[in-house]
N, C-alpha and C. Protein backbone atom coordinates (compact mmCIF):
# COMPACT_ATOMS: atom_id res chain seq x y z
N UNK A 1 0.80 -1.15 0.22
CA UNK A 1 -0.09 0.25 -0.08
C UNK A 1 1.01 1.20 -0.25
N UNK A 2 0.31 2.40 -0.97
CA UNK A 2 1.38 3.45 -0.95
C UNK A 2 0.31 4.46 -0.69
N UNK A 3 0.86 5.55 -0.17
CA UNK A 3 -0.09 6.98 0.10
C UNK A 3 0.71 7.62 -1.18
N UNK A 4 -0.07 8.51 -1.58
CA UNK A 4 0.22 9.14 -2.76
C UNK A 4 0.17 10.50 -2.61
N UNK A 5 1.24 11.28 -3.40
CA UNK A 5 1.10 13.17 -3.00
C UNK A 5 -0.38 13.55 -3.18
N UNK A 6 -1.57 12.92 -3.88
CA UNK A 6 -2.70 13.40 -3.79
C UNK A 6 -3.47 13.33 -2.64
N UNK A 7 -3.16 12.00 -2.10
CA UNK A 7 -3.45 11.78 -0.79
C UNK A 7 -3.13 12.93 0.59
N UNK A 8 -2.07 13.13 0.22
CA UNK A 8 -1.66 14.36 1.38
C UNK A 8 -2.13 15.28 0.91
N UNK A 9 -2.08 15.81 -0.46
CA UNK A 9 -2.64 17.18 -1.02
C UNK A 9 -4.55 17.13 -0.36
N UNK A 10 -5.13 16.37 -0.44
CA UNK A 10 -6.67 16.26 -0.28
C UNK A 10 -6.49 16.25 1.49
N UNK A 11 -5.76 15.83 1.83
CA UNK A 11 -5.80 15.70 3.76
C UNK A 11 -5.31 17.70 4.25
N UNK A 12 -4.33 18.13 3.36
CA UNK A 12 -3.98 19.38 3.54
C UNK A 12 -4.79 20.33 2.99
N UNK A 13 -5.93 20.15 2.32
CA UNK A 13 -6.91 20.76 1.56
C UNK A 13 -6.32 21.60 0.57
N UNK A 14 -5.39 21.33 0.13
CA UNK A 14 -4.48 21.94 -1.19
C UNK A 14 -4.68 21.08 -2.35
N UNK A 15 -5.68 20.72 -3.15
CA UNK A 15 -6.05 20.22 -4.04
C UNK A 15 -4.58 20.62 -5.33
N UNK A 16 -4.22 20.01 -5.61
CA UNK A 16 -3.04 19.84 -6.89
C UNK A 16 -1.65 20.75 -5.85
N UNK A 17 -1.90 21.20 -4.70
CA UNK A 17 -0.32 21.57 -4.54
C UNK A 17 0.93 20.87 -4.41
N UNK A 18 0.44 19.41 -4.68
CA UNK A 18 1.92 18.39 -4.79
C UNK A 18 2.07 17.64 -5.97
N UNK A 19 1.51 18.28 -6.67
CA UNK A 19 1.20 17.22 -8.31
C UNK A 19 2.71 16.96 -8.81
N UNK A 20 3.59 18.01 -8.28
CA UNK A 20 5.05 17.68 -9.21
C UNK A 20 5.90 16.69 -8.08
N UNK A 21 5.39 15.95 -7.23
CA UNK A 21 5.87 15.06 -6.28
C UNK A 21 5.48 13.67 -6.72
N UNK A 22 6.26 12.52 -6.26
CA UNK A 22 6.52 11.37 -7.10
C UNK A 22 6.52 10.43 -5.81
N UNK A 23 5.76 9.43 -5.71
CA UNK A 23 6.81 8.83 -4.76
C UNK A 23 7.69 7.68 -5.30
N UNK A 24 9.07 7.61 -4.69
CA UNK A 24 10.07 6.64 -5.10
C UNK A 24 10.48 5.26 -4.03
N UNK A 25 9.77 5.58 -2.98
CA UNK A 25 10.02 4.28 -2.07
C UNK A 25 8.91 4.49 -0.99
N UNK A 26 8.68 3.22 -0.34
CA UNK A 26 7.70 2.87 0.52
C UNK A 26 7.93 1.61 1.30
N UNK A 27 7.69 1.67 2.76
CA UNK A 27 7.92 0.48 3.47
C UNK A 27 6.55 0.49 4.28
N UNK A 28 5.74 -0.11 4.23
CA UNK A 28 4.46 -0.18 4.75
C UNK A 28 3.95 -1.77 4.77
N UNK A 29 3.10 -1.45 5.41
CA UNK A 29 2.08 -3.19 5.53
C UNK A 29 0.93 -2.40 6.03
N UNK A 30 -0.34 -3.66 5.72
CA UNK A 30 -1.50 -3.21 6.20
C UNK A 30 -1.98 -4.18 6.67
N UNK A 31 -3.20 -3.25 8.09
CA UNK A 31 -3.40 -4.19 9.09
C UNK A 31 -5.11 -3.96 9.03
N UNK A 32 -5.60 -5.11 9.48
CA UNK A 32 -7.15 -4.99 9.48
C UNK A 32 -7.93 -4.37 10.89
N UNK A 33 -8.57 -3.35 10.64
CA UNK A 33 -9.39 -2.76 11.46
C UNK A 33 -10.52 -2.77 11.45
N UNK A 34 -11.16 -3.16 13.06
CA UNK A 34 -12.37 -3.52 13.13
C UNK A 34 -12.98 -2.78 14.33
N UNK A 35 -14.03 -3.13 14.62
CA UNK A 35 -14.59 -2.39 15.80
C UNK A 35 -16.33 -2.60 15.74
N UNK A 36 -17.02 -1.91 16.78
CA UNK A 36 -18.09 -1.86 16.98
C UNK A 36 -18.77 -1.22 17.67
N UNK A 37 -20.43 -1.01 16.71
CA UNK A 37 -21.11 0.41 16.86
C UNK A 37 -21.86 -0.17 17.94
N UNK A 38 -21.71 0.57 19.19
CA UNK A 38 -22.05 -0.08 20.10
C UNK A 38 -23.88 0.39 20.05
N UNK A 39 -24.13 1.99 19.67
CA UNK A 39 -25.22 2.31 19.25
C UNK A 39 -26.33 1.55 18.88
N UNK A 40 -25.42 0.83 17.66
CA UNK A 40 -26.82 -0.30 16.89
C UNK A 40 -26.60 -1.28 17.14
N UNK A 41 -25.47 -1.58 18.14
CA UNK A 41 -25.47 -3.27 18.85
C UNK A 41 -25.01 -3.87 17.43
N UNK A 42 -23.86 -3.61 16.59
CA UNK A 42 -23.60 -4.24 15.35
C UNK A 42 -22.17 -4.09 14.95
N UNK A 43 -21.65 -4.94 14.30
CA UNK A 43 -20.27 -5.04 14.08
C UNK A 43 -20.04 -3.71 12.98
N UNK A 44 -18.73 -2.74 13.07
CA UNK A 44 -18.45 -1.98 11.99
C UNK A 44 -17.69 -2.88 10.95
N UNK A 45 -17.92 -2.23 9.89
CA UNK A 45 -17.22 -3.03 8.64
C UNK A 45 -15.84 -2.88 9.04
N UNK A 46 -14.85 -3.94 8.55
CA UNK A 46 -13.54 -3.91 8.64
C UNK A 46 -13.04 -3.16 7.35
N UNK A 47 -11.72 -2.61 7.86
CA UNK A 47 -11.05 -1.45 6.99
C UNK A 47 -9.99 -1.92 6.86
N UNK A 48 -8.68 -1.82 5.96
CA UNK A 48 -7.41 -1.90 5.81
C UNK A 48 -6.82 -0.83 5.94
N UNK A 49 -5.70 -0.21 6.94
CA UNK A 49 -5.49 0.46 7.16
C UNK A 49 -3.82 0.11 7.04
N UNK A 50 -3.26 1.39 6.49
CA UNK A 50 -1.48 1.32 6.85
C UNK A 50 -0.69 1.58 8.39
N UNK A 51 0.19 0.67 8.46
CA UNK A 51 0.58 0.17 10.23
C UNK A 51 1.08 1.32 10.42
N UNK A 52 1.14 1.85 11.63
CA UNK A 52 1.99 3.11 12.27
C UNK A 52 3.38 2.25 11.90
N UNK A 53 4.20 3.51 11.77
CA UNK A 53 5.65 3.47 11.51
C UNK A 53 5.95 2.92 9.90
N UNK A 54 4.83 2.99 9.02
CA UNK A 54 5.20 2.79 7.77
C UNK A 54 5.69 4.17 6.84
N UNK A 55 6.48 4.14 6.09
CA UNK A 55 7.33 5.41 5.74
C UNK A 55 6.91 5.39 4.27
N UNK A 56 6.95 6.78 3.78
CA UNK A 56 6.91 7.16 2.16
C UNK A 56 7.92 8.06 1.94
N UNK A 57 8.43 7.84 0.77
CA UNK A 57 9.25 8.92 0.59
C UNK A 57 9.03 9.61 -0.88
N UNK A 58 8.85 10.61 -1.37
CA UNK A 58 8.58 11.57 -2.08
C UNK A 58 9.81 12.13 -2.83
N UNK A 59 9.56 12.45 -3.91
CA UNK A 59 10.75 13.00 -4.97
C UNK A 59 10.21 14.38 -5.68
N UNK A 60 10.76 15.40 -5.86
CA UNK A 60 10.72 16.45 -6.53
C UNK A 60 12.28 17.33 -7.25
N UNK A 61 12.41 17.24 -8.44
CA UNK A 61 13.55 17.48 -8.69
C UNK A 61 13.39 18.99 -8.49
N UNK A 62 14.43 19.96 -7.75
CA UNK A 62 14.59 21.21 -7.97
C UNK A 62 16.30 21.62 -7.40
N UNK A 63 16.47 23.04 -7.39
CA UNK A 63 17.68 23.66 -7.73
C UNK A 63 18.11 23.93 -6.39
N UNK A 64 19.48 24.38 -6.25
CA UNK A 64 19.79 24.05 -4.37
C UNK A 64 19.23 25.43 -4.30
N UNK A 65 19.34 26.79 -4.98
CA UNK A 65 18.75 27.74 -4.15
C UNK A 65 17.53 27.97 -3.74
N UNK A 66 16.65 26.74 -4.33
CA UNK A 66 15.36 26.79 -3.89
C UNK A 66 14.99 25.77 -2.89
N UNK A 67 15.90 25.00 -2.19
CA UNK A 67 15.35 23.96 -1.23
C UNK A 67 15.03 24.73 -0.04
N UNK A 68 15.44 25.54 0.31
CA UNK A 68 15.09 26.25 1.48
C UNK A 68 13.49 26.90 1.61
N UNK A 69 12.88 27.32 0.37
CA UNK A 69 11.79 27.84 0.25
C UNK A 69 10.98 26.61 -0.24
N UNK A 70 11.37 25.53 -0.71
CA UNK A 70 10.46 24.33 -1.27
C UNK A 70 10.38 23.82 0.37
N UNK A 71 11.47 23.44 1.50
CA UNK A 71 10.75 23.07 2.40
C UNK A 71 10.17 23.73 3.46
N UNK A 72 10.33 25.31 3.39
CA UNK A 72 8.83 26.25 3.94
C UNK A 72 7.46 26.32 3.71
N UNK A 73 7.39 25.76 2.06
CA UNK A 73 6.23 25.78 1.55
C UNK A 73 5.39 24.00 1.80
N UNK A 74 6.55 23.08 1.73
CA UNK A 74 5.59 21.90 2.53
C UNK A 74 5.58 21.85 3.77
N UNK A 75 6.16 22.31 4.63
CA UNK A 75 6.05 22.68 6.19
C UNK A 75 4.59 23.16 6.17
N UNK A 76 4.02 24.18 5.48
CA UNK A 76 3.23 25.14 5.47
C UNK A 76 1.81 24.45 4.77
N UNK A 77 2.29 23.83 3.86
CA UNK A 77 1.08 23.01 3.44
C UNK A 77 0.73 21.96 4.40
N UNK A 78 1.69 20.97 4.81
CA UNK A 78 1.44 19.94 5.64
C UNK A 78 0.94 19.77 6.89
N UNK A 79 1.35 21.24 7.33
CA UNK A 79 0.49 21.43 8.98
C UNK A 79 -0.56 21.57 9.02
N UNK A 80 -1.22 21.80 7.79
CA UNK A 80 -2.98 21.91 7.77
C UNK A 80 -3.28 20.62 7.78
N UNK A 81 -2.74 19.65 7.75
CA UNK A 81 -2.83 18.07 7.23
C UNK A 81 -2.56 17.55 8.95
N UNK A 82 -2.69 18.25 10.10
CA UNK A 82 -2.33 17.94 11.38
C UNK A 82 -3.43 17.18 11.70
N UNK A 83 -4.53 16.96 11.35
CA UNK A 83 -5.37 16.11 11.61
C UNK A 83 -5.57 14.97 11.57
N UNK A 84 -4.68 14.59 10.30
CA UNK A 84 -4.19 13.09 10.00
C UNK A 84 -4.87 13.00 8.46
N UNK A 85 -4.72 12.25 7.52
CA UNK A 85 -5.37 11.57 6.52
C UNK A 85 -6.14 10.38 6.42
N UNK A 86 -6.80 10.55 5.80
CA UNK A 86 -7.55 8.79 5.12
C UNK A 86 -9.02 8.94 5.50
N UNK A 87 -9.79 8.17 5.85
CA UNK A 87 -11.12 7.82 6.43
C UNK A 87 -11.48 8.09 7.41
N UNK A 88 -10.04 7.52 8.43
CA UNK A 88 -10.76 7.18 10.10
C UNK A 88 -9.51 7.92 10.66
N UNK A 89 -9.33 9.41 10.29
CA UNK A 89 -8.72 10.03 11.30
C UNK A 89 -9.23 10.58 12.22
N UNK A 90 -10.41 10.81 12.54
CA UNK A 90 -11.11 11.17 13.50
C UNK A 90 -10.68 10.26 14.71
N UNK A 91 -10.54 8.73 14.61
CA UNK A 91 -10.45 7.72 15.64
C UNK A 91 -9.13 7.63 15.84
N UNK A 92 -8.22 8.77 14.97
CA UNK A 92 -6.47 8.38 15.92
C UNK A 92 -5.58 7.81 14.93
N UNK A 93 -5.88 7.50 13.42
CA UNK A 93 -5.62 6.75 12.43
C UNK A 93 -4.97 7.96 11.30
N UNK A 94 -3.79 7.52 10.86
CA UNK A 94 -3.77 8.45 9.59
C UNK A 94 -2.79 9.70 10.34
N UNK A 95 -2.20 9.63 11.06
CA UNK A 95 -1.24 10.61 11.66
C UNK A 95 0.19 10.88 10.45
N UNK A 96 0.27 11.69 9.97
CA UNK A 96 1.26 12.51 8.90
C UNK A 96 2.14 13.32 9.34
N UNK A 97 3.82 13.40 9.60
CA UNK A 97 4.57 13.84 9.83
C UNK A 97 5.02 14.38 8.93
N UNK A 98 6.04 15.33 8.80
CA UNK A 98 6.78 15.77 7.65
C UNK A 98 8.43 16.47 8.23
N UNK A 99 9.26 15.94 7.83
CA UNK A 99 10.73 16.92 7.96
C UNK A 99 11.25 16.90 9.10
N UNK A 100 11.54 16.26 10.10
CA UNK A 100 12.28 16.40 11.24
C UNK A 100 13.64 16.36 10.89
N UNK A 101 14.26 16.84 12.14
CA UNK A 101 15.32 17.45 11.89
C UNK A 101 16.75 16.78 11.49
N UNK A 102 16.45 15.20 11.17
CA UNK A 102 17.40 14.47 10.73
C UNK A 102 17.15 14.82 9.36
N UNK A 103 16.09 14.86 8.85
CA UNK A 103 15.84 15.12 7.15
C UNK A 103 16.82 16.05 6.80
N UNK A 104 17.19 16.75 7.37
CA UNK A 104 17.77 18.39 6.67
C UNK A 104 18.88 18.76 7.08
N UNK A 105 19.27 18.41 8.73
CA UNK A 105 20.12 19.19 9.04
C UNK A 105 21.65 18.57 8.72
N UNK A 106 21.85 17.70 8.03
CA UNK A 106 23.39 17.03 7.28
C UNK A 106 23.37 17.61 6.33
N UNK A 107 22.36 18.37 5.45
CA UNK A 107 22.81 18.45 4.07
C UNK A 107 24.17 19.26 3.74
N UNK A 108 24.30 19.89 2.47
CA UNK A 108 25.60 20.48 2.00
C UNK A 108 25.44 21.48 2.03
N UNK A 109 26.17 22.35 2.19
CA UNK A 109 26.01 23.79 1.61
C UNK A 109 26.95 24.21 0.97
N UNK A 110 26.47 24.99 0.06
CA UNK A 110 27.27 25.27 -1.26
C UNK A 110 27.97 26.53 -1.17
């Protein structure tokens, strides 16, 4: 299972805002999530969810002078997806994180 740039843009409510990004690698697996609707006394439909700890790498070609501006742009866009992504984020599923310090602290300066 892979998350697409469109999935992230939808969660951030920025349609088309990440169209230039392509998934280049992902490490994930699926897990079946089930539950019980207490009010209706019926089981909820099972859904497949991407397991916590899964990672997705997206890539976009950019020039060195534009890297800092692009990191700022992505941070702004994806911070609006703080509620999560996917169909069951209200239940605590679908957390999205972007750009921890180790992603960019050792990049080379020209």
